[in-house]
């Protein structure tokens, strides 16, 4: 099972230690367990959606 905080069931983690994470998983060859990669990321910034500008993207996502 993949928990929101790696290795910690949510009910055992104190509220002040909870954070917003993303877990990405992949495997190679596709649909196999031969090679597996699990990556955890931490939310550091959030952008509200603007209905008036649906195509607007944060500067961090633009190509240079």
PDB file of N, CA and C in Angstrom:
ATOM      1  N   UNK A   1       0.842  -1.173   0.000  1.00  0.00           N
ATOM      2  CA  UNK A   1       0.000   0.000   0.000  1.00  0.00           C
ATOM      3  C   UNK A   1       0.886   1.236   0.000  1.00  0.00           C
ATOM      4  N   UNK A   2       0.473   2.263  -0.744  1.00  0.00           N
ATOM      5  CA  UNK A   2       1.210   3.523  -0.774  1.00  0.00           C
ATOM      6  C   UNK A   2       0.469   4.515   0.107  1.00  0.00           C
ATOM      7  N   UNK A   3       1.129   4.962   1.181  1.00  0.00           N
ATOM      8  CA  UNK A   3       0.540   5.921   2.097  1.00  0.00           C
ATOM      9  C   UNK A   3       0.836   7.345   1.635  1.00  0.00           C
ATOM     10  N   UNK A   4       0.018   8.335   2.031  1.00  0.00           N
ATOM     11  CA  UNK A   4       0.297   9.727   1.671  1.00  0.00           C
ATOM     12  C   UNK A   4       1.678  10.191   2.124  1.00  0.00           C
ATOM     13  N   UNK A   5       2.098   9.749   3.312  1.00  0.00           N
ATOM     14  CA  UNK A   5       3.462  10.000   3.790  1.00  0.00           C
ATOM     15  C   UNK A   5       4.151   8.642   3.806  1.00  0.00           C
ATOM     16  N   UNK A   6       5.230   8.478   3.034  1.00  0.00           N
ATOM     17  CA  UNK A   6       5.877   7.173   2.895  1.00  0.00           C
ATOM     18  C   UNK A   6       6.129   6.476   4.228  1.00  0.00           C
ATOM     19  N   UNK A   7       5.630   5.246   4.339  1.00  0.00           N
ATOM     20  CA  UNK A   7       5.872   4.423   5.510  1.00  0.00           C
ATOM     21  C   UNK A   7       5.047   4.774   6.735  1.00  0.00           C
ATOM     22  N   UNK A   8       4.153   5.748   6.641  1.00  0.00           N
ATOM     23  CA  UNK A   8       3.364   6.181   7.798  1.00  0.00           C
ATOM     24  C   UNK A   8       1.872   6.118   7.480  1.00  0.00           C
ATOM     25  N   UNK A   9       1.120   5.211   8.117  1.00  0.00           N
ATOM     26  CA  UNK A   9      -0.329   5.224   7.929  1.00  0.00           C
ATOM     27  C   UNK A   9      -0.883   6.589   8.366  1.00  0.00           C
ATOM     28  N   UNK A  10      -1.783   7.178   7.603  1.00  0.00           N
ATOM     29  CA  UNK A  10      -2.260   8.542   7.891  1.00  0.00           C
ATOM     30  C   UNK A  10      -2.766   8.742   9.314  1.00  0.00           C
ATOM     31  N   UNK A  11      -3.452   7.754   9.866  1.00  0.00           N
ATOM     32  CA  UNK A  11      -4.014   7.924  11.211  1.00  0.00           C
ATOM     33  C   UNK A  11      -2.951   7.945  12.302  1.00  0.00           C
ATOM     34  N   UNK A  12      -1.728   7.496  12.019  1.00  0.00           N
ATOM     35  CA  UNK A  12      -0.665   7.491  13.025  1.00  0.00           C
ATOM     36  C   UNK A  12       0.204   8.745  12.980  1.00  0.00           C
ATOM     37  N   UNK A  13       0.048   9.549  11.951  1.00  0.00           N
ATOM     38  CA  UNK A  13       0.891  10.738  11.790  1.00  0.00           C
ATOM     39  C   UNK A  13       0.228  11.943  12.448  1.00  0.00           C
ATOM     40  N   UNK A  14       0.919  12.625  13.374  1.00  0.00           N
ATOM     41  CA  UNK A  14       0.334  13.814  14.008  1.00  0.00           C
ATOM     42  C   UNK A  14      -0.031  14.868  12.950  1.00  0.00           C
ATOM     43  N   UNK A  15      -1.116  15.587  13.180  1.00  0.00           N
ATOM     44  CA  UNK A  15      -1.625  16.557  12.206  1.00  0.00           C
ATOM     45  C   UNK A  15      -0.563  17.592  11.820  1.00  0.00           C
ATOM     46  N   UNK A  16       0.252  18.049  12.766  1.00  0.00           N
ATOM     47  CA  UNK A  16       1.256  19.066  12.455  1.00  0.00           C
ATOM     48  C   UNK A  16       2.419  18.519  11.623  1.00  0.00           C
ATOM     49  N   UNK A  17       2.497  17.204  11.415  1.00  0.00           N
ATOM     50  CA  UNK A  17       3.553  16.615  10.602  1.00  0.00           C
ATOM     51  C   UNK A  17       3.049  16.198   9.218  1.00  0.00           C
ATOM     52  N   UNK A  18       1.777  16.412   8.958  1.00  0.00           N
ATOM     53  CA  UNK A  18       1.228  16.052   7.656  1.00  0.00           C
ATOM     54  C   UNK A  18       1.573  17.122   6.637  1.00  0.00           C
ATOM     55  N   UNK A  19       1.816  16.708   5.426  1.00  0.00           N
ATOM     56  CA  UNK A  19       2.125  17.635   4.344  1.00  0.00           C
ATOM     57  C   UNK A  19       1.510  17.096   3.068  1.00  0.00           C
ATOM     58  N   UNK A  20       1.457  17.916   2.038  1.00  0.00           N
ATOM     59  CA  UNK A  20       0.864  17.493   0.777  1.00  0.00           C
ATOM     60  C   UNK A  20       1.969  16.931  -0.117  1.00  0.00           C
ATOM     61  N   UNK A  21       1.840  15.644  -0.402  1.00  0.00           N
ATOM     62  CA  UNK A  21       2.828  14.938  -1.211  1.00  0.00           C
ATOM     63  C   UNK A  21       2.175  14.368  -2.457  1.00  0.00           C
ATOM     64  N   UNK A  22       3.018  14.067  -3.433  1.00  0.00           N
ATOM     65  CA  UNK A  22       2.584  13.326  -4.607  1.00  0.00           C
ATOM     66  C   UNK A  22       3.506  12.120  -4.724  1.00  0.00           C
ATOM     67  N   UNK A  23       2.948  10.998  -5.106  1.00  0.00           N
ATOM     68  CA  UNK A  23       3.728   9.789  -5.314  1.00  0.00           C
ATOM     69  C   UNK A  23       3.593   9.389  -6.775  1.00  0.00           C
ATOM     70  N   UNK A  24       4.725   9.259  -7.455  1.00  0.00           N
ATOM     71  CA  UNK A  24       4.751   8.835  -8.848  1.00  0.00           C
ATOM     72  C   UNK A  24       5.364   7.446  -8.909  1.00  0.00           C
ATOM     73  N   UNK A  25       4.729   6.557  -9.651  1.00  0.00           N
ATOM     74  CA  UNK A  25       5.273   5.207  -9.808  1.00  0.00           C
ATOM     75  C   UNK A  25       5.353   4.870 -11.289  1.00  0.00           C
ATOM     76  N   UNK A  26       6.339   4.075 -11.631  1.00  0.00           N
ATOM     77  CA  UNK A  26       6.499   3.615 -13.007  1.00  0.00           C
ATOM     78  C   UNK A  26       7.176   2.255 -12.980  1.00  0.00           C
ATOM     79  N   UNK A  27       7.095   1.553 -14.082  1.00  0.00           N
ATOM     80  CA  UNK A  27       7.752   0.252 -14.168  1.00  0.00           C
ATOM     81  C   UNK A  27       8.272   0.033 -15.583  1.00  0.00           C
ATOM     82  N   UNK A  28       9.254  -0.867 -15.691  1.00  0.00           N
ATOM     83  CA  UNK A  28       9.847  -1.215 -16.982  1.00  0.00           C
ATOM     84  C   UNK A  28      10.213  -2.687 -16.948  1.00  0.00           C
ATOM     85  N   UNK A  29       9.883  -3.453 -17.925  1.00  0.00           N
ATOM     86  CA  UNK A  29       9.002  -3.145 -19.041  1.00  0.00           C
ATOM     87  C   UNK A  29       7.592  -2.833 -18.545  1.00  0.00           C
ATOM     88  N   UNK A  30       6.820  -2.171 -19.396  1.00  0.00           N
ATOM     89  CA  UNK A  30       5.475  -1.743 -19.053  1.00  0.00           C
ATOM     90  C   UNK A  30       4.646  -2.893 -18.461  1.00  0.00           C
ATOM     91  N   UNK A  31       3.952  -2.592 -17.385  1.00  0.00           N
ATOM     92  CA  UNK A  31       3.064  -3.519 -16.674  1.00  0.00           C
ATOM     93  C   UNK A  31       3.793  -4.689 -16.013  1.00  0.00           C
ATOM     94  N   UNK A  32       5.079  -4.549 -15.741  1.00  0.00           N
ATOM     95  CA  UNK A  32       5.810  -5.625 -15.069  1.00  0.00           C
ATOM     96  C   UNK A  32       6.354  -5.118 -13.737  1.00  0.00           C
ATOM     97  N   UNK A  33       6.873  -6.029 -12.945  1.00  0.00           N
ATOM     98  CA  UNK A  33       7.508  -5.648 -11.684  1.00  0.00           C
ATOM     99  C   UNK A  33       9.025  -5.851 -11.762  1.00  0.00           C
ATOM    100  N   UNK A  34       9.536  -6.029 -12.969  1.00  0.00           N
ATOM    101  CA  UNK A  34      10.972  -6.292 -13.133  1.00  0.00           C
ATOM    102  C   UNK A  34      11.813  -5.114 -12.637  1.00  0.00           C
ATOM    103  N   UNK A  35      11.473  -3.914 -13.086  1.00  0.00           N
ATOM    104  CA  UNK A  35      12.156  -2.705 -12.629  1.00  0.00           C
ATOM    105  C   UNK A  35      11.072  -1.716 -12.212  1.00  0.00           C
ATOM    106  N   UNK A  36      11.166  -1.218 -10.996  1.00  0.00           N
ATOM    107  CA  UNK A  36      10.138  -0.311 -10.503  1.00  0.00           C
ATOM    108  C   UNK A  36      10.798   0.924  -9.913  1.00  0.00           C
ATOM    109  N   UNK A  37      10.177   2.087 -10.136  1.00  0.00           N
ATOM    110  CA  UNK A  37      10.674   3.348  -9.603  1.00  0.00           C
ATOM    111  C   UNK A  37       9.516   4.050  -8.902  1.00  0.00           C
ATOM    112  N   UNK A  38       9.748   4.474  -7.660  1.00  0.00           N
ATOM    113  CA  UNK A  38       8.756   5.218  -6.891  1.00  0.00           C
ATOM    114  C   UNK A  38       9.418   6.517  -6.452  1.00  0.00           C
ATOM    115  N   UNK A  39       8.777   7.639  -6.768  1.00  0.00           N
ATOM    116  CA  UNK A  39       9.322   8.956  -6.458  1.00  0.00           C
ATOM    117  C   UNK A  39       8.285   9.719  -5.653  1.00  0.00           C
ATOM    118  N   UNK A  40       8.725  10.396  -4.579  1.00  0.00           N
ATOM    119  CA  UNK A  40       7.835  11.216  -3.764  1.00  0.00           C
ATOM    120  C   UNK A  40       8.217  12.681  -3.962  1.00  0.00           C
ATOM    121  N   UNK A  41       7.214  13.537  -4.108  1.00  0.00           N
ATOM    122  CA  UNK A  41       7.438  14.974  -4.241  1.00  0.00           C
ATOM    123  C   UNK A  41       6.613  15.719  -3.201  1.00  0.00           C
ATOM    124  N   UNK A  42       7.073  16.911  -2.828  1.00  0.00           N
ATOM    125  CA  UNK A  42       6.401  17.742  -1.822  1.00  0.00           C
ATOM    126  C   UNK A  42       5.825  18.973  -2.516  1.00  0.00           C
ATOM    127  N   UNK A  43       4.570  19.285  -2.210  1.00  0.00           N
ATOM    128  CA  UNK A  43       3.940  20.484  -2.744  1.00  0.00           C
ATOM    129  C   UNK A  43       4.597  21.706  -2.120  1.00  0.00           C
ATOM    130  N   UNK A  44       5.169  22.580  -2.945  1.00  0.00           N
ATOM    131  CA  UNK A  44       5.824  23.778  -2.423  1.00  0.00           C
ATOM    132  C   UNK A  44       5.124  25.059  -2.858  1.00  0.00           C
ATOM    133  N   UNK A  45       4.256  24.948  -3.879  1.00  0.00           N
ATOM    134  CA  UNK A  45       3.554  26.133  -4.360  1.00  0.00           C
ATOM    135  C   UNK A  45       2.252  25.699  -5.002  1.00  0.00           C
ATOM    136  N   UNK A  46       1.255  26.557  -4.917  1.00  0.00           N
ATOM    137  CA  UNK A  46      -0.039  26.241  -5.503  1.00  0.00           C
ATOM    138  C   UNK A  46      -0.548  27.467  -6.251  1.00  0.00           C
ATOM    139  N   UNK A  47      -1.115  27.257  -7.446  1.00  0.00           N
ATOM    140  CA  UNK A  47      -1.642  28.342  -8.261  1.00  0.00           C
ATOM    141  C   UNK A  47      -3.149  28.168  -8.428  1.00  0.00           C
ATOM    142  N   UNK A  48      -3.949  29.178  -8.092  1.00  0.00           N
ATOM    143  CA  UNK A  48      -5.388  29.061  -8.306  1.00  0.00           C
ATOM    144  C   UNK A  48      -5.705  29.129  -9.803  1.00  0.00           C
ATOM    145  N   UNK A  49      -6.747  28.413 -10.212  1.00  0.00           N
ATOM    146  CA  UNK A  49      -7.175  28.458 -11.603  1.00  0.00           C
ATOM    147  C   UNK A  49      -7.950  29.751 -11.837  1.00  0.00           C
ATOM    148  N   UNK A  50      -7.780  30.311 -13.034  1.00  0.00           N
ATOM    149  CA  UNK A  50      -8.482  31.533 -13.412  1.00  0.00           C
ATOM    150  C   UNK A  50      -9.419  31.207 -14.570  1.00  0.00           C
ATOM    151  N   UNK A  51     -10.719  31.108 -14.311  1.00  0.00           N
ATOM    152  CA  UNK A  51     -11.657  30.751 -15.381  1.00  0.00           C
ATOM    153  C   UNK A  51     -11.608  31.717 -16.565  1.00  0.00           C
ATOM    154  N   UNK A  52     -11.210  32.964 -16.325  1.00  0.00           N
ATOM    155  CA  UNK A  52     -11.129  33.943 -17.410  1.00  0.00           C
ATOM    156  C   UNK A  52      -9.936  33.686 -18.330  1.00  0.00           C
ATOM    157  N   UNK A  53      -8.941  32.945 -17.848  1.00  0.00           N
ATOM    158  CA  UNK A  53      -7.731  32.641 -18.627  1.00  0.00           C
ATOM    159  C   UNK A  53      -7.383  31.164 -18.484  1.00  0.00           C
ATOM    160  N   UNK A  54      -8.165  30.254 -19.076  1.00  0.00           N
ATOM    161  CA  UNK A  54      -7.948  28.812 -18.867  1.00  0.00           C
ATOM    162  C   UNK A  54      -6.603  28.303 -19.386  1.00  0.00           C
ATOM    163  N   UNK A  55      -5.993  28.990 -20.349  1.00  0.00           N
ATOM    164  CA  UNK A  55      -4.711  28.539 -20.894  1.00  0.00           C
ATOM    165  C   UNK A  55      -3.495  29.107 -20.193  1.00  0.00           C
ATOM    166  N   UNK A  56      -3.706  29.963 -19.213  1.00  0.00           N
ATOM    167  CA  UNK A  56      -2.600  30.593 -18.490  1.00  0.00           C
ATOM    168  C   UNK A  56      -1.834  29.557 -17.688  1.00  0.00           C
ATOM    169  N   UNK A  57      -0.505  29.585 -17.839  1.00  0.00           N
ATOM    170  CA  UNK A  57       0.350  28.640 -17.113  1.00  0.00           C
ATOM    171  C   UNK A  57       1.373  29.397 -16.287  1.00  0.00           C
ATOM    172  N   UNK A  58       1.770  28.839 -15.141  1.00  0.00           N
ATOM    173  CA  UNK A  58       2.815  29.485 -14.328  1.00  0.00           C
ATOM    174  C   UNK A  58       4.122  29.597 -15.125  1.00  0.00           C
ATOM    175  N   UNK A  59       4.899  30.615 -14.822  1.00  0.00           N
ATOM    176  CA  UNK A  59       6.163  30.841 -15.517  1.00  0.00           C
ATOM    177  C   UNK A  59       7.084  29.620 -15.425  1.00  0.00           C
ATOM    178  N   UNK A  60       7.011  28.893 -14.308  1.00  0.00           N
ATOM    179  CA  UNK A  60       7.878  27.710 -14.107  1.00  0.00           C
ATOM    180  C   UNK A  60       7.592  26.613 -15.144  1.00  0.00           C
ATOM    181  N   UNK A  61       6.418  26.637 -15.747  1.00  0.00           N
ATOM    182  CA  UNK A  61       6.054  25.599 -16.722  1.00  0.00           C
ATOM    183  C   UNK A  61       6.291  26.014 -18.157  1.00  0.00           C
ATOM    184  N   UNK A  62       6.717  27.234 -18.371  1.00  0.00           N
ATOM    185  CA  UNK A  62       6.979  27.712 -19.729  1.00  0.00           C
ATOM    186  C   UNK A  62       8.392  27.329 -20.167  1.00  0.00           C
ATOM    187  N   UNK A  63       8.528  27.008 -21.451  1.00  0.00           N
ATOM    188  CA  UNK A  63       9.859  26.695 -21.992  1.00  0.00           C
ATOM    189  C   UNK A  63      10.640  27.983 -22.156  1.00  0.00           C
ATOM    190  N   UNK A  64      11.931  27.859 -22.014  1.00  0.00           N
ATOM    191  CA  UNK A  64      12.805  29.050 -22.157  1.00  0.00           C
ATOM    192  C   UNK A  64      13.559  28.988 -23.443  1.00  0.00           C
TER     193      UNK A  64
END
